[in-house]
Amino acid sequence: MEKILVIDDEPQIIRALKVNMQARGYEMIAAPNAETGIALAADKHPDVIIVDLGLPDRDGLTVITSVRKWSNVPILVLSGRTDSKYKITALENGADDYITKPFDVEELFARIRAVSRRREEKIELRTITMGDLLIDFTRRSITRTAGDWPAPHLTQTEWKVLEVLALNRGSLVTKRKILDAGWGTNYAEENGSLRLFVSQLRQKLEPNPKSPIYIITELGMGYRFAES
């Protein structure tokens, strides 16, 4: 049974999550503030942590940065802060995903499953499918599973961008994280280059590049590689 630590000071949120988690076979541990949450994270070793940013004693970012010093446990932010700057800050400080309140319960559990699956897979990425394309990251090759037209060819930078998106599939990946992977930390402001490479990837991989179903834009923040 997966164990989920929820750090939130809203009793109604805790009650609703507890009912829904029990119904889905999760064990839930609740903490009303950052200090208790950090202590429980160290003591109970949860499989996933869900944390609000607006906690009564300290900002939820403190939980993220503290836990990240000693653990790679998936962390999902559940917060009423809707401004993209909060989302980007949380993600760049170690959160794996961000959902705003009020939230859809099914979406929340889909995100929990996504971050849990990535934890089980570690950082090893072998193959994924996109429509009729089989993409092999080990060999860096693409083959078609249907049709007789040639499979697309990706440049080295396109491979790097696709890989960081696929490694985090189902979750938002900030522009900065993608730029760091594709260009290095000295190119953190190359947003124009990133848009160009994402556009090229869509042209090569999406069934309809003008209406992408795999590489989804999160306005002002980054991109999300949709679950196949």
C-alpha atoms as a PDB file:
ATOM      1  CA  MET A   1       0.000   0.000   0.000  1.00  0.00           C
ATOM      2  CA  GLU A   2       1.415   3.371  -1.027  1.00  0.00           C
ATOM      3  CA  LYS A   3       1.796   5.891   1.759  1.00  0.00           C
ATOM      4  CA  ILE A   4       1.024   9.543   1.035  1.00  0.00           C
ATOM      5  CA  LEU A   5       1.901  12.425   3.328  1.00  0.00           C
ATOM      6  CA  VAL A   6      -0.436  15.424   2.981  1.00  0.00           C
ATOM      7  CA  ILE A   7       0.800  18.696   4.510  1.00  0.00           C
ATOM      8  CA  ASP A   8      -2.136  21.097   4.611  1.00  0.00           C
ATOM      9  CA  ASP A   9      -3.878  23.129   7.315  1.00  0.00           C
ATOM     10  CA  GLU A  10      -7.381  23.051   5.777  1.00  0.00           C
ATOM     11  CA  PRO A  11      -9.476  20.424   7.646  1.00  0.00           C
ATOM     12  CA  GLN A  12     -11.965  20.069   4.777  1.00  0.00           C
ATOM     13  CA  ILE A  13      -9.157  19.295   2.334  1.00  0.00           C
ATOM     14  CA  ILE A  14      -7.696  16.701   4.715  1.00  0.00           C
ATOM     15  CA  ARG A  15     -11.094  15.041   5.209  1.00  0.00           C
ATOM     16  CA  ALA A  16     -11.859  14.935   1.485  1.00  0.00           C
ATOM     17  CA  LEU A  17      -8.437  13.557   0.586  1.00  0.00           C
ATOM     18  CA  LYS A  18      -8.549  10.926   3.336  1.00  0.00           C
ATOM     19  CA  VAL A  19     -11.884   9.559   2.094  1.00  0.00           C
ATOM     20  CA  ASN A  20     -10.733   9.489  -1.516  1.00  0.00           C
ATOM     21  CA  MET A  21      -7.343   7.949  -0.712  1.00  0.00           C
ATOM     22  CA  GLN A  22      -8.819   5.209   1.416  1.00  0.00           C
ATOM     23  CA  ALA A  23     -11.273   4.405  -1.379  1.00  0.00           C
ATOM     24  CA  ARG A  24      -8.338   3.996  -3.780  1.00  0.00           C
ATOM     25  CA  GLY A  25      -6.193   1.909  -1.452  1.00  0.00           C
ATOM     26  CA  TYR A  26      -3.709   4.544  -0.281  1.00  0.00           C
ATOM     27  CA  GLU A  27      -2.560   5.095   3.289  1.00  0.00           C
ATOM     28  CA  MET A  28      -2.672   8.776   4.166  1.00  0.00           C
ATOM     29  CA  ILE A  29      -0.696  10.648   6.823  1.00  0.00           C
ATOM     30  CA  ALA A  30      -1.691  14.244   7.577  1.00  0.00           C
ATOM     31  CA  ALA A  31       0.379  17.161   8.890  1.00  0.00           C
ATOM     32  CA  PRO A  32      -1.117  20.608   9.660  1.00  0.00           C
ATOM     33  CA  ASN A  33       2.106  22.602   9.272  1.00  0.00           C
ATOM     34  CA  ALA A  34       5.582  22.608   7.749  1.00  0.00           C
ATOM     35  CA  GLU A  35       7.498  21.585  10.883  1.00  0.00           C
ATOM     36  CA  THR A  36       5.324  18.526  11.500  1.00  0.00           C
ATOM     37  CA  GLY A  37       5.361  17.675   7.802  1.00  0.00           C
ATOM     38  CA  ILE A  38       9.156  17.690   7.589  1.00  0.00           C
ATOM     39  CA  ALA A  39       9.400  15.523  10.708  1.00  0.00           C
ATOM     40  CA  LEU A  40       6.861  13.018   9.369  1.00  0.00           C
ATOM     41  CA  ALA A  41       8.606  12.911   5.993  1.00  0.00           C
ATOM     42  CA  ALA A  42      11.822  11.878   7.729  1.00  0.00           C
ATOM     43  CA  ASP A  43      10.144   9.429  10.111  1.00  0.00           C
ATOM     44  CA  LYS A  44       7.468   7.754   7.970  1.00  0.00           C
ATOM     45  CA  HIS A  45       9.241   7.649   4.575  1.00  0.00           C
ATOM     46  CA  PRO A  46       6.127   8.340   2.459  1.00  0.00           C
ATOM     47  CA  ASP A  47       5.934   7.294  -1.193  1.00  0.00           C
ATOM     48  CA  VAL A  48       4.521  10.696  -2.225  1.00  0.00           C
ATOM     49  CA  ILE A  49       4.288  14.067  -0.469  1.00  0.00           C
ATOM     50  CA  ILE A  50       1.478  16.546  -1.190  1.00  0.00           C
ATOM     51  CA  VAL A  51       2.144  20.000   0.232  1.00  0.00           C
ATOM     52  CA  ASP A  52       0.328  23.326   0.332  1.00  0.00           C
ATOM     53  CA  LEU A  53       2.427  26.482  -0.002  1.00  0.00           C
ATOM     54  CA  GLY A  54       0.381  28.585   2.418  1.00  0.00           C
ATOM     55  CA  LEU A  55       1.115  26.807   5.691  1.00  0.00           C
ATOM     56  CA  PRO A  56       0.610  28.528   9.084  1.00  0.00           C
ATOM     57  CA  ASP A  57       4.184  28.277  10.376  1.00  0.00           C
ATOM     58  CA  ARG A  58       6.382  28.402   7.259  1.00  0.00           C
ATOM     59  CA  ASP A  59       6.015  28.568   3.504  1.00  0.00           C
ATOM     60  CA  GLY A  60       5.547  25.205   1.850  1.00  0.00           C
ATOM     61  CA  LEU A  61       8.697  25.871  -0.166  1.00  0.00           C
ATOM     62  CA  THR A  62      10.576  25.228   3.076  1.00  0.00           C
ATOM     63  CA  VAL A  63       9.217  21.686   3.076  1.00  0.00           C
ATOM     64  CA  ILE A  64      10.307  21.132  -0.511  1.00  0.00           C
ATOM     65  CA  THR A  65      13.830  22.449  -0.065  1.00  0.00           C
ATOM     66  CA  SER A  66      14.297  20.666   3.274  1.00  0.00           C
ATOM     67  CA  VAL A  67      13.131  17.276   1.981  1.00  0.00           C
ATOM     68  CA  ARG A  68      15.175  17.626  -1.200  1.00  0.00           C
ATOM     69  CA  LYS A  69      18.375  17.781   0.868  1.00  0.00           C
ATOM     70  CA  TRP A  70      18.016  14.081   1.718  1.00  0.00           C
ATOM     71  CA  SER A  71      15.254  12.522  -0.392  1.00  0.00           C
ATOM     72  CA  ASN A  72      14.044  12.188  -3.990  1.00  0.00           C
ATOM     73  CA  VAL A  73      10.494  11.300  -2.890  1.00  0.00           C
ATOM     74  CA  PRO A  74       7.944  12.710  -5.384  1.00  0.00           C
ATOM     75  CA  ILE A  75       6.513  16.026  -4.166  1.00  0.00           C
ATOM     76  CA  LEU A  76       3.254  17.393  -5.525  1.00  0.00           C
ATOM     77  CA  VAL A  77       2.195  20.945  -4.635  1.00  0.00           C
ATOM     78  CA  LEU A  78      -1.530  21.488  -4.002  1.00  0.00           C
ATOM     79  CA  SER A  79      -2.060  25.205  -3.501  1.00  0.00           C
ATOM     80  CA  GLY A  80      -4.462  28.070  -3.930  1.00  0.00           C
ATOM     81  CA  ARG A  81      -1.681  30.233  -5.369  1.00  0.00           C
ATOM     82  CA  THR A  82      -2.443  30.460  -9.080  1.00  0.00           C
ATOM     83  CA  ASP A  83       0.262  32.879 -10.232  1.00  0.00           C
ATOM     84  CA  SER A  84       2.738  31.130 -12.527  1.00  0.00           C
ATOM     85  CA  LYS A  85       5.684  32.576 -10.576  1.00  0.00           C
ATOM     86  CA  TYR A  86       4.759  30.427  -7.560  1.00  0.00           C
ATOM     87  CA  LYS A  87       4.464  27.341  -9.725  1.00  0.00           C
ATOM     88  CA  ILE A  88       7.812  27.924 -11.380  1.00  0.00           C
ATOM     89  CA  THR A  89       9.519  28.611  -8.044  1.00  0.00           C
ATOM     90  CA  ALA A  90       8.106  25.422  -6.517  1.00  0.00           C
ATOM     91  CA  LEU A  91       9.122  23.310  -9.508  1.00  0.00           C
ATOM     92  CA  GLU A  92      12.602  24.782  -9.690  1.00  0.00           C
ATOM     93  CA  ASN A  93      13.098  24.112  -5.975  1.00  0.00           C
ATOM     94  CA  GLY A  94      12.338  20.422  -6.361  1.00  0.00           C
ATOM     95  CA  ALA A  95       8.582  19.868  -6.652  1.00  0.00           C
ATOM     96  CA  ASP A  96       7.534  17.334  -9.281  1.00  0.00           C
ATOM     97  CA  ASP A  97       4.168  18.846 -10.158  1.00  0.00           C
ATOM     98  CA  TYR A  98       1.722  21.591  -9.175  1.00  0.00           C
ATOM     99  CA  ILE A  99      -2.083  21.583  -8.933  1.00  0.00           C
ATOM    100  CA  THR A 100      -4.138  24.626  -7.974  1.00  0.00           C
ATOM    101  CA  LYS A 101      -7.123  24.693  -5.646  1.00  0.00           C
ATOM    102  CA  PRO A 102      -9.979  24.112  -6.184  1.00  0.00           C
ATOM    103  CA  PHE A 103      -8.894  20.862  -7.808  1.00  0.00           C
ATOM    104  CA  ASP A 104     -10.405  17.938  -9.645  1.00  0.00           C
ATOM    105  CA  VAL A 105      -9.987  14.750  -7.587  1.00  0.00           C
ATOM    106  CA  GLU A 106      -9.453  12.519 -10.612  1.00  0.00           C
ATOM    107  CA  GLU A 107      -6.766  14.845 -11.967  1.00  0.00           C
ATOM    108  CA  LEU A 108      -5.008  14.813  -8.598  1.00  0.00           C
ATOM    109  CA  PHE A 109      -4.880  11.016  -8.515  1.00  0.00           C
ATOM    110  CA  ALA A 110      -3.724  10.902 -12.120  1.00  0.00           C
ATOM    111  CA  ARG A 111      -0.819  13.150 -11.138  1.00  0.00           C
ATOM    112  CA  ILE A 112      -0.085  10.968  -8.094  1.00  0.00           C
ATOM    113  CA  ARG A 113       0.056   7.895 -10.333  1.00  0.00           C
ATOM    114  CA  ALA A 114       2.341   9.712 -12.764  1.00  0.00           C
ATOM    115  CA  VAL A 115       4.904  10.782 -10.148  1.00  0.00           C
ATOM    116  CA  SER A 116       4.749   7.354  -8.484  1.00  0.00           C
ATOM    117  CA  ARG A 117       5.405   5.604 -11.777  1.00  0.00           C
ATOM    118  CA  ARG A 118       8.425   7.782 -12.484  1.00  0.00           C
ATOM    119  CA  ARG A 119       9.822   6.927  -9.080  1.00  0.00           C
ATOM    120  CA  GLU A 120       9.511   3.219  -9.850  1.00  0.00           C
ATOM    121  CA  GLU A 121      11.115   3.691 -13.249  1.00  0.00           C
ATOM    122  CA  LYS A 122      13.987   5.656 -11.679  1.00  0.00           C
ATOM    123  CA  ILE A 123      15.734   7.687 -14.377  1.00  0.00           C
ATOM    124  CA  GLU A 124      15.937   4.902 -16.919  1.00  0.00           C
ATOM    125  CA  LEU A 125      14.081   5.658 -20.113  1.00  0.00           C
ATOM    126  CA  ARG A 126      14.132   3.118 -22.918  1.00  0.00           C
ATOM    127  CA  THR A 127      11.232   3.389 -25.341  1.00  0.00           C
ATOM    128  CA  ILE A 128       7.995   5.309 -25.715  1.00  0.00           C
ATOM    129  CA  THR A 129       5.325   5.390 -28.402  1.00  0.00           C
ATOM    130  CA  MET A 130       3.859   8.476 -30.044  1.00  0.00           C
ATOM    131  CA  GLY A 131       1.099   7.450 -32.402  1.00  0.00           C
ATOM    132  CA  ASP A 132       2.667   5.099 -34.927  1.00  0.00           C
ATOM    133  CA  LEU A 133       6.205   5.982 -33.854  1.00  0.00           C
ATOM    134  CA  LEU A 134       8.358   3.817 -31.590  1.00  0.00           C
ATOM    135  CA  ILE A 135      11.054   6.006 -30.031  1.00  0.00           C
ATOM    136  CA  ASP A 136      14.112   4.242 -28.637  1.00  0.00           C
ATOM    137  CA  PHE A 137      16.160   6.509 -26.344  1.00  0.00           C
ATOM    138  CA  THR A 138      18.892   3.929 -25.807  1.00  0.00           C
ATOM    139  CA  ARG A 139      19.704   3.707 -29.522  1.00  0.00           C
ATOM    140  CA  ARG A 140      18.347   7.167 -30.310  1.00  0.00           C
ATOM    141  CA  SER A 141      16.321   5.759 -33.146  1.00  0.00           C
ATOM    142  CA  ILE A 142      12.734   6.082 -34.344  1.00  0.00           C
ATOM    143  CA  THR A 143      10.789   3.455 -36.287  1.00  0.00           C
ATOM    144  CA  ARG A 144       7.265   3.389 -37.643  1.00  0.00           C
ATOM    145  CA  THR A 145       4.861   0.695 -36.492  1.00  0.00           C
ATOM    146  CA  ALA A 146       2.422   1.441 -39.332  1.00  0.00           C
ATOM    147  CA  GLY A 147       2.668   2.920 -42.814  1.00  0.00           C
ATOM    148  CA  ASP A 148       5.594   2.844 -45.189  1.00  0.00           C
ATOM    149  CA  TRP A 149       6.830   6.448 -45.122  1.00  0.00           C
ATOM    150  CA  PRO A 150      10.199   7.241 -43.507  1.00  0.00           C
ATOM    151  CA  ALA A 151      10.488   7.757 -39.761  1.00  0.00           C
ATOM    152  CA  PRO A 152      11.658  11.239 -38.722  1.00  0.00           C
ATOM    153  CA  HIS A 153      15.237  12.054 -37.794  1.00  0.00           C
ATOM    154  CA  LEU A 154      15.971  14.132 -34.666  1.00  0.00           C
ATOM    155  CA  THR A 155      18.963  16.348 -34.041  1.00  0.00           C
ATOM    156  CA  GLN A 156      21.029  15.918 -30.870  1.00  0.00           C
ATOM    157  CA  THR A 157      19.337  18.913 -29.227  1.00  0.00           C
ATOM    158  CA  GLU A 158      15.875  17.666 -30.190  1.00  0.00           C
ATOM    159  CA  TRP A 159      16.713  14.331 -28.552  1.00  0.00           C
ATOM    160  CA  LYS A 160      17.731  16.125 -25.343  1.00  0.00           C
ATOM    161  CA  VAL A 161      14.533  18.186 -25.244  1.00  0.00           C
ATOM    162  CA  LEU A 162      12.342  15.155 -25.952  1.00  0.00           C
ATOM    163  CA  GLU A 163      14.168  13.075 -23.347  1.00  0.00           C
ATOM    164  CA  VAL A 164      13.673  15.514 -20.470  1.00  0.00           C
ATOM    165  CA  LEU A 165       9.974  15.807 -21.388  1.00  0.00           C
ATOM    166  CA  ALA A 166       9.517  12.045 -21.633  1.00  0.00           C
ATOM    167  CA  LEU A 167      11.373  11.389 -18.384  1.00  0.00           C
ATOM    168  CA  ASN A 168       8.826  13.640 -16.669  1.00  0.00           C
ATOM    169  CA  ARG A 169       5.807  12.531 -18.696  1.00  0.00           C
ATOM    170  CA  GLY A 170       2.525  13.530 -17.174  1.00  0.00           C
ATOM    171  CA  SER A 171       4.071  16.414 -15.222  1.00  0.00           C
ATOM    172  CA  LEU A 172       4.867  20.037 -15.966  1.00  0.00           C
ATOM    173  CA  VAL A 173       8.503  20.666 -16.892  1.00  0.00           C
ATOM    174  CA  THR A 174       9.644  24.277 -16.596  1.00  0.00           C
ATOM    175  CA  LYS A 175      11.307  26.045 -19.495  1.00  0.00           C
ATOM    176  CA  ARG A 176      14.443  26.466 -17.416  1.00  0.00           C
ATOM    177  CA  LYS A 177      14.730  22.730 -16.734  1.00  0.00           C
ATOM    178  CA  ILE A 178      14.391  21.937 -20.440  1.00  0.00           C
ATOM    179  CA  LEU A 179      16.899  24.627 -21.375  1.00  0.00           C
ATOM    180  CA  ASP A 180      19.382  23.315 -18.808  1.00  0.00           C
ATOM    181  CA  ALA A 181      19.068  19.812 -20.288  1.00  0.00           C
ATOM    182  CA  GLY A 182      19.297  20.897 -23.904  1.00  0.00           C
ATOM    183  CA  TRP A 183      21.675  23.849 -23.809  1.00  0.00           C
ATOM    184  CA  GLY A 184      23.245  24.004 -20.339  1.00  0.00           C
ATOM    185  CA  THR A 185      22.852  26.435 -17.459  1.00  0.00           C
ATOM    186  CA  ASN A 186      24.436  29.333 -19.380  1.00  0.00           C
ATOM    187  CA  TYR A 187      21.450  29.469 -21.731  1.00  0.00           C
ATOM    188  CA  ALA A 188      18.606  29.840 -19.239  1.00  0.00           C
ATOM    189  CA  GLU A 189      17.028  32.726 -21.172  1.00  0.00           C
ATOM    190  CA  GLU A 190      16.980  31.128 -24.631  1.00  0.00           C
ATOM    191  CA  ASN A 191      13.193  30.874 -24.722  1.00  0.00           C
ATOM    192  CA  GLY A 192      13.077  31.629 -28.438  1.00  0.00           C
ATOM    193  CA  SER A 193      15.356  28.678 -29.185  1.00  0.00           C
ATOM    194  CA  LEU A 194      13.261  26.416 -26.980  1.00  0.00           C
ATOM    195  CA  ARG A 195      10.037  27.363 -28.753  1.00  0.00           C
ATOM    196  CA  LEU A 196      11.711  26.660 -32.092  1.00  0.00           C
ATOM    197  CA  PHE A 197      12.879  23.201 -31.044  1.00  0.00           C
ATOM    198  CA  VAL A 198       9.513  22.311 -29.524  1.00  0.00           C
ATOM    199  CA  SER A 199       7.859  23.408 -32.765  1.00  0.00           C
ATOM    200  CA  GLN A 200      10.282  21.233 -34.752  1.00  0.00           C
ATOM    201  CA  LEU A 201       9.587  18.246 -32.509  1.00  0.00           C
ATOM    202  CA  ARG A 202       5.860  18.680 -33.029  1.00  0.00           C
ATOM    203  CA  GLN A 203       6.342  18.908 -36.790  1.00  0.00           C
ATOM    204  CA  LYS A 204       8.282  15.637 -36.738  1.00  0.00           C
ATOM    205  CA  LEU A 205       6.359  13.647 -34.120  1.00  0.00           C
ATOM    206  CA  GLU A 206       2.797  14.891 -33.658  1.00  0.00           C
ATOM    207  CA  PRO A 207      -0.016  13.509 -35.861  1.00  0.00           C
ATOM    208  CA  ASN A 208      -1.266  17.101 -36.193  1.00  0.00           C
ATOM    209  CA  PRO A 209       1.450  19.610 -35.196  1.00  0.00           C
ATOM    210  CA  LYS A 210      -1.050  22.484 -35.108  1.00  0.00           C
ATOM    211  CA  SER A 211      -3.109  20.629 -32.505  1.00  0.00           C
ATOM    212  CA  PRO A 212      -0.544  18.714 -30.419  1.00  0.00           C
ATOM    213  CA  ILE A 213      -1.675  15.854 -28.220  1.00  0.00           C
ATOM    214  CA  TYR A 214       1.695  14.782 -26.808  1.00  0.00           C
ATOM    215  CA  ILE A 215       3.828  17.887 -26.214  1.00  0.00           C
ATOM    216  CA  ILE A 216       1.426  20.256 -24.457  1.00  0.00           C
ATOM    217  CA  THR A 217       2.196  23.912 -23.702  1.00  0.00           C
ATOM    218  CA  GLU A 218       1.644  25.169 -20.147  1.00  0.00           C
ATOM    219  CA  LEU A 219       1.363  28.900 -20.825  1.00  0.00           C
ATOM    220  CA  GLY A 220       4.061  30.984 -19.193  1.00  0.00           C
ATOM    221  CA  MET A 221       5.641  27.998 -17.456  1.00  0.00           C
ATOM    222  CA  GLY A 222       6.826  25.202 -19.707  1.00  0.00           C
ATOM    223  CA  TYR A 223       5.598  21.990 -21.303  1.00  0.00           C
ATOM    224  CA  ARG A 224       3.953  18.734 -20.324  1.00  0.00           C
ATOM    225  CA  PHE A 225       4.487  15.441 -22.152  1.00  0.00           C
ATOM    226  CA  ALA A 226       1.056  13.800 -22.161  1.00  0.00           C
ATOM    227  CA  GLU A 227       0.589  10.243 -20.959  1.00  0.00           C
ATOM    228  CA  SER A 228       0.364   7.835 -23.899  1.00  0.00           C
END
